[in-house]
Amino acid sequence: MPPTPWKRNLAAIFFAQLTTMIAFSFVFPFIPLYVQALGVPDPTKAAQWSGWIAASTALTMAVAQPIWGNLADRFGRKPMVIRSMIAGSITLGLMGLATHPWHILVLRLLQGMLTGTVTASTALVATVVPKQRLGFALGLLQVAMFGGSSLGPLVGGIVADSFGFRASFGAACLLALAGGLTVITLVREDFTPPPATAARRGVIAGSRVLLALAGFPAII
């Protein structure tokens, strides 16, 4: 008997998120060494560059995620997952072509602005899985996230040691691309666009509603 649609959706999202998290963490072990290879031989300066590179993604992601969330409410969750994974694939591939440390920094800033697979995948799972199985589904998604983050540095370090830094970025690019293609081909989302009046509500208006909730200001 073939799996029910929500099970197929969940399996596809699990695989896509696992491969994408492996891809994003693939290059973490050797970023300082890669920076040195790009022309910064001083370990202190290389460490500074590595710190800026590591922090840059979170900075732009914090700004961009509410915007992507608003677009997800208007156009669906699946397009946002595809966008985040394909954008991650492109930025990872371009990092492997970098010739200066600032190239990596700019690409990491773009990566934070254009990706956000965890949030997008969680929102998609919440809409394609029955409510009575939502706890199981979100738990499984956490397995993909943490499992991928754990496997990525190990496998990435082995690949970098065997084939070089640039080859690792290429492999990470292909992994993220595989995740995006999996969502494109296997995941089905029944999305109904919201009424025009609701669609026009922007990030600022939505934030005002959130801040008006009793108790919300206290937790931030």
N, C-alpha and C. Protein backbone atom coordinates (compact mmCIF):
# COMPACT_ATOMS: atom_id res chain seq x y z
N MET A 1 0.85 -1.20 0.00
CA MET A 1 0.00 0.00 0.00
C MET A 1 0.89 1.25 0.00
N PRO A 2 0.66 2.19 -0.93
CA PRO A 2 1.49 3.39 -0.97
C PRO A 2 1.26 4.27 0.24
N PRO A 3 2.27 5.05 0.66
CA PRO A 3 2.10 5.91 1.82
C PRO A 3 1.07 6.98 1.56
N THR A 4 0.37 7.39 2.61
CA THR A 4 -0.58 8.48 2.47
C THR A 4 0.18 9.76 2.12
N PRO A 5 -0.48 10.72 1.48
CA PRO A 5 0.23 11.92 1.02
C PRO A 5 1.03 12.62 2.11
N TRP A 6 0.48 12.73 3.32
CA TRP A 6 1.22 13.46 4.35
C TRP A 6 2.48 12.72 4.75
N LYS A 7 2.45 11.39 4.71
CA LYS A 7 3.65 10.63 5.04
C LYS A 7 4.73 10.82 3.97
N ARG A 8 4.30 10.84 2.72
CA ARG A 8 5.26 11.10 1.65
C ARG A 8 5.83 12.51 1.77
N ASN A 9 4.98 13.46 2.05
CA ASN A 9 5.46 14.84 2.25
C ASN A 9 6.47 14.90 3.38
N LEU A 10 6.15 14.26 4.50
CA LEU A 10 7.04 14.30 5.65
C LEU A 10 8.37 13.63 5.35
N ALA A 11 8.32 12.48 4.68
CA ALA A 11 9.57 11.78 4.33
C ALA A 11 10.43 12.63 3.41
N ALA A 12 9.80 13.29 2.44
CA ALA A 12 10.55 14.13 1.51
C ALA A 12 11.16 15.34 2.21
N ILE A 13 10.38 15.97 3.09
CA ILE A 13 10.90 17.14 3.82
C ILE A 13 12.01 16.72 4.76
N PHE A 14 11.85 15.55 5.41
CA PHE A 14 12.90 15.04 6.29
C PHE A 14 14.20 14.86 5.52
N PHE A 15 14.14 14.20 4.38
CA PHE A 15 15.35 13.98 3.58
C PHE A 15 15.94 15.30 3.11
N ALA A 16 15.08 16.20 2.64
CA ALA A 16 15.56 17.48 2.13
C ALA A 16 16.23 18.29 3.23
N GLN A 17 15.62 18.33 4.41
CA GLN A 17 16.19 19.09 5.51
C GLN A 17 17.49 18.46 6.00
N LEU A 18 17.54 17.13 6.04
CA LEU A 18 18.76 16.45 6.46
C LEU A 18 19.92 16.78 5.53
N THR A 19 19.71 16.64 4.23
CA THR A 19 20.80 16.91 3.29
C THR A 19 21.20 18.39 3.30
N THR A 20 20.22 19.28 3.48
CA THR A 20 20.54 20.70 3.48
C THR A 20 21.32 21.09 4.73
N MET A 21 20.95 20.54 5.87
CA MET A 21 21.70 20.84 7.09
C MET A 21 23.11 20.28 7.02
N ILE A 22 23.27 19.11 6.42
CA ILE A 22 24.62 18.58 6.19
C ILE A 22 25.40 19.55 5.32
N ALA A 23 24.75 20.06 4.28
CA ALA A 23 25.41 20.98 3.35
C ALA A 23 25.86 22.26 4.05
N PHE A 24 24.97 22.86 4.85
CA PHE A 24 25.31 24.13 5.49
C PHE A 24 26.43 23.97 6.53
N SER A 25 26.50 22.81 7.18
CA SER A 25 27.54 22.60 8.19
C SER A 25 28.77 21.91 7.63
N PHE A 26 28.75 21.61 6.34
CA PHE A 26 29.83 20.88 5.68
C PHE A 26 31.16 21.60 5.80
N VAL A 27 31.11 22.93 5.72
CA VAL A 27 32.34 23.71 5.58
C VAL A 27 32.80 24.34 6.89
N PHE A 28 32.05 24.15 7.97
CA PHE A 28 32.40 24.78 9.23
C PHE A 28 33.81 24.44 9.74
N PRO A 29 34.26 23.18 9.64
CA PRO A 29 35.53 22.84 10.28
C PRO A 29 36.73 23.59 9.71
N PHE A 30 36.68 23.95 8.44
CA PHE A 30 37.90 24.47 7.81
C PHE A 30 37.78 25.92 7.33
N ILE A 31 36.76 26.65 7.75
CA ILE A 31 36.63 28.05 7.33
C ILE A 31 37.90 28.86 7.66
N PRO A 32 38.46 28.75 8.90
CA PRO A 32 39.69 29.51 9.16
C PRO A 32 40.84 29.12 8.24
N LEU A 33 40.94 27.83 7.92
CA LEU A 33 42.00 27.37 7.01
C LEU A 33 41.74 27.86 5.59
N TYR A 34 40.48 27.90 5.20
CA TYR A 34 40.13 28.39 3.87
C TYR A 34 40.45 29.87 3.75
N VAL A 35 40.18 30.61 4.81
CA VAL A 35 40.51 32.04 4.82
C VAL A 35 42.02 32.23 4.66
N GLN A 36 42.81 31.43 5.34
CA GLN A 36 44.26 31.52 5.20
C GLN A 36 44.69 31.18 3.77
N ALA A 37 44.05 30.19 3.18
CA ALA A 37 44.38 29.81 1.81
C ALA A 37 44.02 30.90 0.81
N LEU A 38 43.09 31.77 1.19
CA LEU A 38 42.67 32.86 0.31
C LEU A 38 43.52 34.12 0.47
N GLY A 39 44.62 34.01 1.21
CA GLY A 39 45.55 35.13 1.28
C GLY A 39 45.65 35.82 2.60
N VAL A 40 45.24 35.17 3.69
CA VAL A 40 45.37 35.76 5.03
C VAL A 40 46.20 34.79 5.88
N PRO A 41 47.52 34.80 5.75
CA PRO A 41 48.35 33.82 6.45
C PRO A 41 48.43 34.04 7.96
N ASP A 42 48.20 35.28 8.41
CA ASP A 42 48.28 35.57 9.84
C ASP A 42 47.12 34.88 10.57
N PRO A 43 47.40 33.98 11.51
CA PRO A 43 46.33 33.26 12.21
C PRO A 43 45.35 34.18 12.94
N THR A 44 45.86 35.28 13.50
CA THR A 44 44.99 36.20 14.22
C THR A 44 43.99 36.87 13.28
N LYS A 45 44.48 37.35 12.15
CA LYS A 45 43.60 37.99 11.18
C LYS A 45 42.64 36.97 10.57
N ALA A 46 43.13 35.76 10.35
CA ALA A 46 42.26 34.71 9.82
C ALA A 46 41.13 34.39 10.80
N ALA A 47 41.46 34.39 12.09
CA ALA A 47 40.43 34.14 13.11
C ALA A 47 39.40 35.26 13.12
N GLN A 48 39.87 36.50 12.94
CA GLN A 48 38.93 37.63 12.89
C GLN A 48 37.99 37.52 11.70
N TRP A 49 38.55 37.22 10.54
CA TRP A 49 37.72 37.03 9.36
C TRP A 49 36.70 35.90 9.58
N SER A 50 37.16 34.82 10.19
CA SER A 50 36.28 33.68 10.44
C SER A 50 35.14 34.06 11.37
N GLY A 51 35.42 34.88 12.36
CA GLY A 51 34.38 35.34 13.28
C GLY A 51 33.34 36.19 12.57
N TRP A 52 33.81 37.11 11.72
CA TRP A 52 32.87 37.94 10.97
C TRP A 52 32.03 37.08 10.02
N ILE A 53 32.67 36.13 9.38
CA ILE A 53 31.96 35.25 8.45
C ILE A 53 30.91 34.43 9.17
N ALA A 54 31.25 33.92 10.35
CA ALA A 54 30.31 33.10 11.11
C ALA A 54 29.11 33.91 11.59
N ALA A 55 29.35 35.16 11.98
CA ALA A 55 28.27 35.99 12.53
C ALA A 55 27.39 36.62 11.47
N SER A 56 27.91 36.75 10.25
CA SER A 56 27.22 37.54 9.23
C SER A 56 25.88 36.94 8.84
N THR A 57 25.82 35.61 8.74
CA THR A 57 24.58 34.97 8.29
C THR A 57 23.42 35.24 9.25
N ALA A 58 23.69 35.12 10.55
CA ALA A 58 22.64 35.35 11.53
C ALA A 58 22.13 36.78 11.48
N LEU A 59 23.01 37.73 11.18
CA LEU A 59 22.62 39.14 11.14
C LEU A 59 21.58 39.39 10.05
N THR A 60 21.88 38.95 8.83
CA THR A 60 20.93 39.20 7.74
C THR A 60 19.70 38.29 7.85
N MET A 61 19.86 37.11 8.41
CA MET A 61 18.72 36.21 8.57
C MET A 61 17.69 36.80 9.52
N ALA A 62 18.16 37.45 10.59
CA ALA A 62 17.24 38.06 11.55
C ALA A 62 16.41 39.16 10.90
N VAL A 63 16.98 39.86 9.92
CA VAL A 63 16.25 40.92 9.24
C VAL A 63 15.29 40.36 8.19
N ALA A 64 15.74 39.32 7.47
CA ALA A 64 14.98 38.84 6.32
C ALA A 64 13.86 37.88 6.67
N GLN A 65 13.98 37.12 7.75
CA GLN A 65 13.00 36.06 8.01
C GLN A 65 11.56 36.55 8.17
N PRO A 66 11.31 37.67 8.85
CA PRO A 66 9.91 38.14 8.90
C PRO A 66 9.34 38.45 7.52
N ILE A 67 10.18 38.92 6.61
CA ILE A 67 9.72 39.22 5.25
C ILE A 67 9.35 37.93 4.53
N TRP A 68 10.23 36.93 4.63
CA TRP A 68 9.93 35.64 4.00
C TRP A 68 8.69 35.00 4.63
N GLY A 69 8.54 35.17 5.93
CA GLY A 69 7.35 34.62 6.59
C GLY A 69 6.07 35.25 6.07
N ASN A 70 6.12 36.56 5.84
CA ASN A 70 4.96 37.25 5.28
C ASN A 70 4.64 36.75 3.87
N LEU A 71 5.68 36.51 3.07
CA LEU A 71 5.48 35.99 1.72
C LEU A 71 4.95 34.56 1.75
N ALA A 72 5.37 33.79 2.76
CA ALA A 72 4.86 32.42 2.90
C ALA A 72 3.37 32.43 3.17
N ASP A 73 2.91 33.38 3.97
CA ASP A 73 1.47 33.48 4.24
C ASP A 73 0.69 33.85 2.99
N ARG A 74 1.32 34.54 2.07
CA ARG A 74 0.63 35.00 0.86
C ARG A 74 0.71 34.00 -0.29
N PHE A 75 1.84 33.30 -0.40
CA PHE A 75 2.07 32.47 -1.59
C PHE A 75 2.30 30.98 -1.28
N GLY A 76 2.34 30.62 -0.02
CA GLY A 76 2.51 29.22 0.33
C GLY A 76 3.86 28.94 0.97
N ARG A 77 3.93 27.82 1.70
CA ARG A 77 5.15 27.45 2.41
C ARG A 77 6.14 26.71 1.53
N LYS A 78 5.63 25.89 0.61
CA LYS A 78 6.54 25.12 -0.26
C LYS A 78 7.47 26.02 -1.08
N PRO A 79 6.98 27.10 -1.71
CA PRO A 79 7.91 27.97 -2.45
C PRO A 79 9.02 28.54 -1.57
N MET A 80 8.73 28.79 -0.29
CA MET A 80 9.74 29.33 0.59
C MET A 80 10.82 28.29 0.91
N VAL A 81 10.42 27.03 1.06
CA VAL A 81 11.41 25.97 1.28
C VAL A 81 12.30 25.82 0.06
N ILE A 82 11.68 25.81 -1.12
CA ILE A 82 12.45 25.68 -2.35
C ILE A 82 13.41 26.85 -2.50
N ARG A 83 12.90 28.07 -2.28
CA ARG A 83 13.76 29.25 -2.36
C ARG A 83 14.96 29.16 -1.44
N SER A 84 14.74 28.74 -0.19
CA SER A 84 15.82 28.71 0.78
C SER A 84 16.87 27.67 0.42
N MET A 85 16.45 26.52 -0.07
CA MET A 85 17.41 25.45 -0.39
C MET A 85 18.18 25.73 -1.67
N ILE A 86 17.49 26.23 -2.69
CA ILE A 86 18.18 26.54 -3.94
C ILE A 86 19.14 27.72 -3.74
N ALA A 87 18.70 28.72 -2.98
CA ALA A 87 19.59 29.85 -2.70
C ALA A 87 20.81 29.39 -1.91
N GLY A 88 20.60 28.47 -0.96
CA GLY A 88 21.73 27.92 -0.21
C GLY A 88 22.69 27.18 -1.11
N SER A 89 22.15 26.42 -2.07
CA SER A 89 23.00 25.70 -3.01
C SER A 89 23.86 26.65 -3.83
N ILE A 90 23.25 27.72 -4.31
CA ILE A 90 23.98 28.68 -5.14
C ILE A 90 25.08 29.38 -4.35
N THR A 91 24.76 29.86 -3.15
CA THR A 91 25.77 30.58 -2.36
C THR A 91 26.92 29.65 -1.95
N LEU A 92 26.61 28.40 -1.60
CA LEU A 92 27.67 27.46 -1.25
C LEU A 92 28.58 27.19 -2.44
N GLY A 93 27.97 27.02 -3.61
CA GLY A 93 28.78 26.79 -4.80
C GLY A 93 29.68 27.97 -5.11
N LEU A 94 29.15 29.19 -4.96
CA LEU A 94 29.96 30.38 -5.24
C LEU A 94 31.09 30.55 -4.23
N MET A 95 30.87 30.11 -2.99
CA MET A 95 31.94 30.19 -1.99
C MET A 95 33.15 29.37 -2.42
N GLY A 96 32.90 28.27 -3.11
CA GLY A 96 34.01 27.45 -3.58
C GLY A 96 34.82 28.12 -4.68
N LEU A 97 34.29 29.20 -5.27
CA LEU A 97 34.99 29.95 -6.32
C LEU A 97 35.64 31.22 -5.79
N ALA A 98 35.51 31.47 -4.49
CA ALA A 98 36.02 32.72 -3.91
C ALA A 98 37.54 32.82 -4.06
N THR A 99 38.01 34.05 -4.20
CA THR A 99 39.45 34.30 -4.28
C THR A 99 39.94 35.25 -3.19
N HIS A 100 39.02 35.85 -2.43
CA HIS A 100 39.36 36.73 -1.33
C HIS A 100 38.42 36.46 -0.17
N PRO A 101 38.84 36.68 1.08
CA PRO A 101 37.96 36.44 2.22
C PRO A 101 36.68 37.25 2.19
N TRP A 102 36.73 38.46 1.64
CA TRP A 102 35.51 39.27 1.63
C TRP A 102 34.45 38.68 0.71
N HIS A 103 34.88 37.87 -0.26
CA HIS A 103 33.90 37.17 -1.09
C HIS A 103 33.05 36.24 -0.23
N ILE A 104 33.71 35.52 0.67
CA ILE A 104 33.00 34.60 1.57
C ILE A 104 32.05 35.39 2.47
N LEU A 105 32.53 36.53 2.98
CA LEU A 105 31.72 37.35 3.87
C LEU A 105 30.45 37.83 3.16
N VAL A 106 30.59 38.33 1.95
CA VAL A 106 29.43 38.82 1.19
C VAL A 106 28.46 37.67 0.90
N LEU A 107 28.99 36.53 0.52
CA LEU A 107 28.14 35.39 0.21
C LEU A 107 27.42 34.86 1.46
N ARG A 108 28.08 34.94 2.59
CA ARG A 108 27.42 34.52 3.83
C ARG A 108 26.30 35.50 4.20
N LEU A 109 26.52 36.78 3.95
CA LEU A 109 25.46 37.76 4.18
C LEU A 109 24.26 37.46 3.28
N LEU A 110 24.53 37.15 2.02
CA LEU A 110 23.46 36.79 1.10
C LEU A 110 22.79 35.49 1.51
N GLN A 111 23.59 34.56 2.00
CA GLN A 111 23.03 33.29 2.45
C GLN A 111 22.02 33.49 3.57
N GLY A 112 22.36 34.32 4.52
CA GLY A 112 21.42 34.61 5.60
C GLY A 112 20.18 35.31 5.12
N MET A 113 20.33 36.17 4.13
CA MET A 113 19.20 36.92 3.61
C MET A 113 18.25 36.05 2.79
N LEU A 114 18.78 35.04 2.10
CA LEU A 114 17.98 34.30 1.12
C LEU A 114 17.59 32.90 1.57
N THR A 115 18.16 32.41 2.67
CA THR A 115 17.89 31.02 3.06
C THR A 115 16.92 30.97 4.24
N GLY A 116 17.25 30.20 5.27
CA GLY A 116 16.33 30.01 6.39
C GLY A 116 15.52 28.74 6.23
N THR A 117 16.19 27.63 5.94
CA THR A 117 15.49 26.38 5.66
C THR A 117 14.77 25.83 6.89
N VAL A 118 15.29 26.05 8.07
CA VAL A 118 14.68 25.49 9.27
C VAL A 118 13.29 26.06 9.49
N THR A 119 13.18 27.38 9.46
CA THR A 119 11.88 28.03 9.64
C THR A 119 10.91 27.65 8.53
N ALA A 120 11.40 27.67 7.30
CA ALA A 120 10.53 27.37 6.16
C ALA A 120 10.03 25.92 6.21
N SER A 121 10.92 24.99 6.53
CA SER A 121 10.53 23.58 6.59
C SER A 121 9.57 23.31 7.74
N THR A 122 9.79 23.96 8.87
CA THR A 122 8.89 23.78 10.01
C THR A 122 7.49 24.26 9.67
N ALA A 123 7.40 25.42 9.02
CA ALA A 123 6.09 25.96 8.64
C ALA A 123 5.41 25.04 7.64
N LEU A 124 6.18 24.48 6.70
CA LEU A 124 5.59 23.58 5.71
C LEU A 124 5.08 22.30 6.36
N VAL A 125 5.87 21.73 7.26
CA VAL A 125 5.43 20.52 7.96
C VAL A 125 4.14 20.78 8.73
N ALA A 126 4.06 21.93 9.36
CA ALA A 126 2.87 22.26 10.16
C ALA A 126 1.61 22.36 9.31
N THR A 127 1.76 22.57 8.00
CA THR A 127 0.58 22.71 7.14
C THR A 127 0.25 21.45 6.36
N VAL A 128 1.20 20.51 6.22
CA VAL A 128 0.94 19.33 5.39
C VAL A 128 0.75 18.06 6.21
N VAL A 129 0.90 18.15 7.52
CA VAL A 129 0.77 16.98 8.40
C VAL A 129 -0.49 17.13 9.25
N PRO A 130 -1.27 16.07 9.45
CA PRO A 130 -2.46 16.17 10.30
C PRO A 130 -2.10 16.61 11.72
N LYS A 131 -3.00 17.37 12.32
CA LYS A 131 -2.73 17.91 13.65
C LYS A 131 -2.42 16.83 14.67
N GLN A 132 -3.07 15.67 14.56
CA GLN A 132 -2.85 14.61 15.53
C GLN A 132 -1.48 13.96 15.39
N ARG A 133 -0.78 14.20 14.28
CA ARG A 133 0.57 13.66 14.10
C ARG A 133 1.62 14.76 14.04
N LEU A 134 1.23 15.97 14.40
CA LEU A 134 2.13 17.10 14.26
C LEU A 134 3.32 17.01 15.21
N GLY A 135 3.09 16.55 16.45
CA GLY A 135 4.19 16.40 17.40
C GLY A 135 5.25 15.44 16.89
N PHE A 136 4.81 14.30 16.37
CA PHE A 136 5.74 13.33 15.79
C PHE A 136 6.51 13.93 14.62
N ALA A 137 5.78 14.64 13.75
CA ALA A 137 6.40 15.21 12.55
C ALA A 137 7.46 16.26 12.89
N LEU A 138 7.14 17.14 13.82
CA LEU A 138 8.10 18.17 14.20
C LEU A 138 9.30 17.57 14.93
N GLY A 139 9.05 16.51 15.71
CA GLY A 139 10.17 15.83 16.35
C GLY A 139 11.10 15.20 15.32
N LEU A 140 10.51 14.60 14.29
CA LEU A 140 11.31 13.99 13.22
C LEU A 140 12.11 15.06 12.47
N LEU A 141 11.49 16.22 12.30
CA LEU A 141 12.20 17.31 11.62
C LEU A 141 13.40 17.78 12.45
N GLN A 142 13.23 17.77 13.78
CA GLN A 142 14.36 18.12 14.65
C GLN A 142 15.49 17.12 14.50
N VAL A 143 15.14 15.85 14.32
CA VAL A 143 16.17 14.83 14.08
C VAL A 143 16.97 15.17 12.83
N ALA A 144 16.27 15.57 11.77
CA ALA A 144 16.95 15.95 10.53
C ALA A 144 17.86 17.15 10.74
N MET A 145 17.38 18.13 11.50
CA MET A 145 18.16 19.35 11.72
C MET A 145 19.43 19.06 12.51
N PHE A 146 19.27 18.41 13.66
CA PHE A 146 20.43 18.17 14.51
C PHE A 146 21.32 17.07 13.96
N GLY A 147 20.69 16.06 13.33
CA GLY A 147 21.48 15.01 12.71
C GLY A 147 22.34 15.54 11.59
N GLY A 148 21.76 16.40 10.75
CA GLY A 148 22.52 17.00 9.67
C GLY A 148 23.63 17.90 10.17
N SER A 149 23.34 18.67 11.21
CA SER A 149 24.36 19.56 11.78
C SER A 149 25.50 18.78 12.41
N SER A 150 25.21 17.56 12.88
CA SER A 150 26.25 16.72 13.49
C SER A 150 27.09 16.02 12.43
N LEU A 151 26.44 15.53 11.38
CA LEU A 151 27.15 14.78 10.34
C LEU A 151 27.95 15.69 9.42
N GLY A 152 27.42 16.89 9.17
CA GLY A 152 28.04 17.79 8.22
C GLY A 152 29.51 18.08 8.47
N PRO A 153 29.88 18.56 9.66
CA PRO A 153 31.29 18.87 9.90
C PRO A 153 32.21 17.67 9.76
N LEU A 154 31.74 16.49 10.20
CA LEU A 154 32.56 15.29 10.10
C LEU A 154 32.81 14.92 8.64
N VAL A 155 31.74 14.83 7.87
CA VAL A 155 31.87 14.45 6.47
C VAL A 155 32.59 15.55 5.68
N GLY A 156 32.28 16.81 5.98
CA GLY A 156 32.94 17.90 5.28
C GLY A 156 34.43 17.95 5.53
N GLY A 157 34.82 17.68 6.78
CA GLY A 157 36.24 17.65 7.08
C GLY A 157 36.96 16.54 6.34
N ILE A 158 36.32 15.38 6.25
CA ILE A 158 36.93 14.25 5.53
C ILE A 158 37.08 14.58 4.05
N VAL A 159 36.02 15.17 3.45
CA VAL A 159 36.07 15.53 2.04
C VAL A 159 37.14 16.59 1.79
N ALA A 160 37.21 17.60 2.66
CA ALA A 160 38.22 18.65 2.50
C ALA A 160 39.62 18.09 2.62
N ASP A 161 39.82 17.17 3.54
CA ASP A 161 41.14 16.56 3.73
C ASP A 161 41.54 15.70 2.54
N SER A 162 40.55 15.08 1.90
CA SER A 162 40.83 14.16 0.80
C SER A 162 40.90 14.86 -0.56
N PHE A 163 40.03 15.87 -0.76
CA PHE A 163 39.90 16.45 -2.09
C PHE A 163 40.13 17.96 -2.14
N GLY A 164 40.27 18.60 -0.99
CA GLY A 164 40.50 20.04 -0.98
C GLY A 164 39.28 20.83 -0.55
N PHE A 165 39.52 22.08 -0.17
CA PHE A 165 38.46 22.93 0.33
C PHE A 165 37.38 23.21 -0.73
N ARG A 166 37.80 23.53 -1.93
CA ARG A 166 36.84 23.91 -2.97
C ARG A 166 35.93 22.74 -3.34
N ALA A 167 36.47 21.54 -3.30
CA ALA A 167 35.65 20.36 -3.59
C ALA A 167 34.57 20.20 -2.53
N SER A 168 34.87 20.55 -1.30
CA SER A 168 33.87 20.46 -0.23
C SER A 168 32.72 21.42 -0.46
N PHE A 169 33.02 22.63 -0.92
CA PHE A 169 31.95 23.57 -1.24
C PHE A 169 31.10 23.04 -2.40
N GLY A 170 31.76 22.41 -3.36
CA GLY A 170 31.01 21.82 -4.47
C GLY A 170 30.08 20.71 -4.01
N ALA A 171 30.58 19.86 -3.11
CA ALA A 171 29.73 18.78 -2.57
C ALA A 171 28.57 19.35 -1.76
N ALA A 172 28.85 20.38 -0.97
CA ALA A 172 27.78 21.01 -0.19
C ALA A 172 26.73 21.62 -1.11
N CYS A 173 27.17 22.23 -2.20
CA CYS A 173 26.25 22.80 -3.18
C CYS A 173 25.31 21.73 -3.73
N LEU A 174 25.85 20.58 -4.07
CA LEU A 174 25.04 19.49 -4.64
C LEU A 174 24.07 18.92 -3.62
N LEU A 175 24.49 18.85 -2.35
CA LEU A 175 23.61 18.34 -1.31
C LEU A 175 22.40 19.26 -1.11
N ALA A 176 22.66 20.56 -1.03
CA ALA A 176 21.56 21.52 -0.87
C ALA A 176 20.65 21.50 -2.09
N LEU A 177 21.24 21.35 -3.28
CA LEU A 177 20.45 21.27 -4.50
C LEU A 177 19.56 20.02 -4.49
N ALA A 178 20.10 18.91 -4.00
CA ALA A 178 19.31 17.67 -3.90
C ALA A 178 18.12 17.87 -2.98
N GLY A 179 18.32 18.60 -1.89
CA GLY A 179 17.21 18.88 -0.99
C GLY A 179 16.13 19.70 -1.66
N GLY A 180 16.52 20.74 -2.38
CA GLY A 180 15.54 21.57 -3.07
C GLY A 180 14.78 20.81 -4.14
N LEU A 181 15.48 19.97 -4.91
CA LEU A 181 14.82 19.19 -5.96
C LEU A 181 13.87 18.16 -5.37
N THR A 182 14.21 17.63 -4.20
CA THR A 182 13.32 16.68 -3.53
C THR A 182 11.99 17.35 -3.18
N VAL A 183 12.06 18.55 -2.65
CA VAL A 183 10.84 19.27 -2.31
C VAL A 183 10.04 19.60 -3.56
N ILE A 184 10.72 20.02 -4.61
CA ILE A 184 10.03 20.37 -5.86
C ILE A 184 9.25 19.18 -6.41
N THR A 185 9.88 18.01 -6.41
CA THR A 185 9.28 16.87 -7.09
C THR A 185 8.34 16.04 -6.23
N LEU A 186 8.53 16.00 -4.92
CA LEU A 186 7.79 15.06 -4.09
C LEU A 186 6.77 15.69 -3.14
N VAL A 187 6.98 16.93 -2.75
CA VAL A 187 6.10 17.53 -1.75
C VAL A 187 4.89 18.17 -2.42
N ARG A 188 3.72 17.91 -1.88
CA ARG A 188 2.48 18.52 -2.36
C ARG A 188 1.87 19.36 -1.25
N GLU A 189 1.55 20.59 -1.59
CA GLU A 189 0.94 21.51 -0.61
C GLU A 189 -0.37 22.03 -1.18
N ASP A 190 -1.44 21.85 -0.46
CA ASP A 190 -2.73 22.41 -0.84
C ASP A 190 -2.86 23.78 -0.19
N PHE A 191 -2.47 24.80 -0.93
CA PHE A 191 -2.44 26.15 -0.38
C PHE A 191 -3.55 26.99 -0.98
N THR A 192 -4.29 27.64 -0.11
CA THR A 192 -5.34 28.56 -0.54
C THR A 192 -4.89 29.98 -0.23
N PRO A 193 -4.72 30.82 -1.22
CA PRO A 193 -4.30 32.20 -0.96
C PRO A 193 -5.28 32.90 -0.03
N PRO A 194 -4.77 33.74 0.86
CA PRO A 194 -5.66 34.46 1.77
C PRO A 194 -6.44 35.54 1.05
N PRO A 195 -7.51 36.06 1.68
CA PRO A 195 -8.24 37.18 1.07
C PRO A 195 -7.31 38.36 0.82
N ALA A 196 -7.70 39.17 -0.13
CA ALA A 196 -6.86 40.30 -0.52
C ALA A 196 -6.55 41.22 0.65
N THR A 197 -7.51 41.43 1.52
CA THR A 197 -7.29 42.34 2.66
C THR A 197 -6.25 41.77 3.60
N ALA A 198 -6.27 40.45 3.82
CA ALA A 198 -5.28 39.83 4.69
C ALA A 198 -3.92 39.80 4.03
N ALA A 199 -3.89 39.62 2.71
CA ALA A 199 -2.61 39.54 1.99
C ALA A 199 -1.87 40.87 2.04
N ARG A 200 -2.61 41.97 2.12
CA ARG A 200 -1.97 43.28 2.14
C ARG A 200 -1.35 43.62 3.48
N ARG A 201 -1.63 42.81 4.50
CA ARG A 201 -1.04 43.09 5.80
C ARG A 201 0.46 42.84 5.74
N GLY A 202 1.24 43.82 6.06
CA GLY A 202 2.68 43.70 5.97
C GLY A 202 3.31 43.22 7.26
N VAL A 203 4.64 43.19 7.24
CA VAL A 203 5.38 42.74 8.40
C VAL A 203 5.14 43.65 9.59
N ILE A 204 5.13 44.96 9.35
CA ILE A 204 4.97 45.91 10.45
C ILE A 204 3.60 45.74 11.11
N ALA A 205 2.55 45.63 10.27
CA ALA A 205 1.21 45.46 10.81
C ALA A 205 1.09 44.16 11.59
N GLY A 206 1.69 43.09 11.06
CA GLY A 206 1.66 41.81 11.75
C GLY A 206 2.41 41.87 13.07
N SER A 207 3.51 42.60 13.10
CA SER A 207 4.28 42.75 14.34
C SER A 207 3.49 43.50 15.40
N ARG A 208 2.71 44.48 14.97
CA ARG A 208 1.88 45.23 15.92
C ARG A 208 0.84 44.32 16.56
N VAL A 209 0.26 43.44 15.76
CA VAL A 209 -0.70 42.49 16.30
C VAL A 209 -0.04 41.57 17.32
N LEU A 210 1.17 41.12 17.00
CA LEU A 210 1.89 40.23 17.90
C LEU A 210 2.23 40.92 19.20
N LEU A 211 2.71 42.14 19.11
CA LEU A 211 3.09 42.88 20.31
C LEU A 211 1.88 43.20 21.18
N ALA A 212 0.70 43.23 20.57
CA ALA A 212 -0.51 43.54 21.33
C ALA A 212 -1.01 42.35 22.15
N LEU A 213 -0.49 41.16 21.88
CA LEU A 213 -0.92 39.98 22.63
C LEU A 213 -0.51 40.09 24.08
N ALA A 214 -1.38 39.74 24.97
CA ALA A 214 -1.10 39.81 26.41
C ALA A 214 0.07 38.90 26.77
N GLY A 215 1.06 39.46 27.43
CA GLY A 215 2.19 38.67 27.89
C GLY A 215 3.34 38.59 26.91
N PHE A 216 3.11 38.91 25.63
CA PHE A 216 4.20 38.77 24.67
C PHE A 216 5.37 39.73 24.96
N PRO A 217 5.12 41.02 25.25
CA PRO A 217 6.26 41.90 25.55
C PRO A 217 7.11 41.39 26.70
N ALA A 218 6.51 40.67 27.64
CA ALA A 218 7.28 40.22 28.79
C ALA A 218 8.29 39.15 28.44
N ILE A 219 8.02 38.35 27.39
CA ILE A 219 8.94 37.25 27.06
C ILE A 219 10.08 37.71 26.16
N ILE A 220 10.03 38.95 25.67
CA ILE A 220 11.11 39.44 24.84
C ILE A 220 11.92 40.50 25.58
